Amino acid sequence: ITRYDLPVNQVQEIDRAENVSDQPDEEGAVRELRSSSALLLMATLRVYRTSPAAFRRAVWRLIM
């Protein structure tokens, strides 16, 4: 696993969780914002062929 795989895997796990529950919890949102890989995640999402919807969700989490 490279350092770029971890953020991508995190986004994929979040997407799976969102498909089960549409209501994100506040604790999860705080944890995501505190992640040190937030900027790396933004920079690498498109490189790994992330769908536009997944990219928008990830960016929305960073903004919020």
Protein backbone atom coordinates (compact mmCIF):
# COMPACT_ATOMS: atom_id res chain seq x y z
CA ILE A 1 0.00 0.00 0.00
CA THR A 2 1.39 3.36 -0.99
CA ARG A 3 0.74 6.59 0.84
CA TYR A 4 -1.73 7.51 -1.89
CA ASP A 5 -3.80 4.35 -1.47
CA LEU A 6 -4.85 5.12 2.10
CA PRO A 7 -6.85 8.28 1.30
CA VAL A 8 -8.48 6.58 -1.67
CA ASN A 9 -9.45 3.59 0.45
CA GLN A 10 -10.89 5.93 3.09
CA VAL A 11 -13.09 7.62 0.49
CA GLN A 12 -14.29 4.26 -0.82
CA GLU A 13 -15.20 3.15 2.70
CA ILE A 14 -17.06 6.41 3.29
CA ASP A 15 -18.96 5.95 0.02
CA ARG A 16 -20.00 2.45 1.08
CA ALA A 17 -21.18 3.77 4.43
CA GLU A 18 -23.13 6.58 2.76
CA ASN A 19 -24.92 4.09 0.56
CA VAL A 20 -26.19 2.42 3.74
CA SER A 21 -26.99 5.61 5.65
CA ASP A 22 -27.59 9.00 4.08
CA GLN A 23 -27.18 10.86 7.39
CA PRO A 24 -23.49 11.49 8.21
CA ASP A 25 -22.68 11.62 11.90
CA GLU A 26 -20.96 14.67 13.36
CA GLU A 27 -18.16 12.65 14.94
CA GLY A 28 -17.26 11.14 11.57
CA ALA A 29 -17.21 14.57 9.94
CA VAL A 30 -14.87 15.93 12.62
CA ARG A 31 -12.56 12.93 12.29
CA GLU A 32 -12.39 13.44 8.52
CA LEU A 33 -11.51 17.13 8.89
CA ARG A 34 -8.78 16.36 11.40
CA SER A 35 -7.17 13.90 9.03
CA SER A 36 -3.68 14.98 8.02
CA SER A 37 -4.22 13.50 4.58
CA ALA A 38 -7.05 15.89 3.64
CA LEU A 39 -5.00 17.93 1.15
CA LEU A 40 -3.39 14.82 -0.27
CA LEU A 41 -6.84 13.33 -0.68
CA MET A 42 -8.03 16.32 -2.70
CA ALA A 43 -4.96 16.15 -4.92
CA THR A 44 -5.17 12.42 -5.62
CA LEU A 45 -8.89 11.68 -5.89
CA ARG A 46 -9.13 12.30 -9.61
CA VAL A 47 -5.91 10.43 -10.34
CA TYR A 48 -7.48 7.19 -9.13
CA ARG A 49 -10.51 7.51 -11.41
CA THR A 50 -12.83 8.51 -8.62
CA SER A 51 -16.35 9.13 -9.83
CA PRO A 52 -17.46 12.77 -9.99
CA ALA A 53 -20.08 12.11 -7.30
CA ALA A 54 -17.50 10.65 -4.90
CA PHE A 55 -15.17 13.57 -5.58
CA ARG A 56 -17.92 16.11 -4.82
CA ARG A 57 -18.82 14.31 -1.57
CA ALA A 58 -15.18 14.31 -0.44
CA VAL A 59 -14.70 17.99 -1.27
CA TRP A 60 -17.97 18.84 0.50
CA ARG A 61 -16.69 17.09 3.64
CA LEU A 62 -13.49 19.12 3.50
CA ILE A 63 -15.41 22.37 3.09
CA MET A 64 -17.82 21.62 5.93
